[in-house]
Amino acid sequence: MRKRTNYEPEFKLSVVKEYLSDDSLTLTYFASQNRNR
């Protein structure tokens, strides 16, 4: 994953999308995170 200093909402989204497509396990992770809130 590429690192950047400017963390704009769009950049975060792209990173998340990249991560999701990279690892489907992340879906489960985010799901559990949302459940805890």
C-alpha atoms as a PDB file:
ATOM      1  CA  MET A   1       0.000   0.000   0.000  1.00  0.00           C
ATOM      2  CA  ARG A   2       1.289   3.443  -0.878  1.00  0.00           C
ATOM      3  CA  LYS A   3       1.787   5.943   1.938  1.00  0.00           C
ATOM      4  CA  ARG A   4       0.876   9.610   1.776  1.00  0.00           C
ATOM      5  CA  THR A   5       1.128  12.498   4.211  1.00  0.00           C
ATOM      6  CA  ASN A   6      -2.086  14.274   3.229  1.00  0.00           C
ATOM      7  CA  TYR A   7      -5.009  12.317   4.604  1.00  0.00           C
ATOM      8  CA  GLU A   8      -7.986  13.701   2.723  1.00  0.00           C
ATOM      9  CA  PRO A   9     -11.357  11.903   2.929  1.00  0.00           C
ATOM     10  CA  GLU A  10     -11.047  10.896  -0.711  1.00  0.00           C
ATOM     11  CA  PHE A  11      -7.578   9.493  -0.144  1.00  0.00           C
ATOM     12  CA  LYS A  12      -8.786   7.497   2.863  1.00  0.00           C
ATOM     13  CA  LEU A  13     -11.641   6.131   0.773  1.00  0.00           C
ATOM     14  CA  SER A  14      -9.291   5.057  -1.991  1.00  0.00           C
ATOM     15  CA  VAL A  15      -7.050   3.360   0.554  1.00  0.00           C
ATOM     16  CA  VAL A  16     -10.008   1.562   2.106  1.00  0.00           C
ATOM     17  CA  LYS A  17     -11.278   0.464  -1.298  1.00  0.00           C
ATOM     18  CA  GLU A  18      -7.802  -0.711  -2.225  1.00  0.00           C
ATOM     19  CA  TYR A  19      -7.566  -2.635   1.029  1.00  0.00           C
ATOM     20  CA  LEU A  20     -11.017  -4.151   0.621  1.00  0.00           C
ATOM     21  CA  SER A  21     -10.281  -5.405  -2.870  1.00  0.00           C
ATOM     22  CA  ASP A  22      -6.927  -6.645  -1.607  1.00  0.00           C
ATOM     23  CA  ASP A  23      -8.216  -8.541   1.417  1.00  0.00           C
ATOM     24  CA  SER A  24     -11.818  -9.642   1.862  1.00  0.00           C
ATOM     25  CA  LEU A  25     -11.029 -10.225   5.542  1.00  0.00           C
ATOM     26  CA  THR A  26     -11.169  -6.456   5.947  1.00  0.00           C
ATOM     27  CA  LEU A  27     -14.891  -6.632   5.256  1.00  0.00           C
ATOM     28  CA  THR A  28     -15.335  -8.801   8.319  1.00  0.00           C
ATOM     29  CA  TYR A  29     -13.129  -6.437  10.309  1.00  0.00           C
ATOM     30  CA  PHE A  30     -15.143  -3.352   9.407  1.00  0.00           C
ATOM     31  CA  ALA A  31     -18.382  -5.220  10.063  1.00  0.00           C
ATOM     32  CA  SER A  32     -17.265  -6.118  13.585  1.00  0.00           C
ATOM     33  CA  GLN A  33     -16.101  -2.530  14.154  1.00  0.00           C
ATOM     34  CA  ASN A  34     -19.506  -1.167  13.159  1.00  0.00           C
ATOM     35  CA  ARG A  35     -21.213  -3.677  15.426  1.00  0.00           C
ATOM     36  CA  ASN A  36     -19.183  -2.508  18.415  1.00  0.00           C
ATOM     37  CA  ARG A  37     -20.300   1.099  17.938  1.00  0.00           C
END
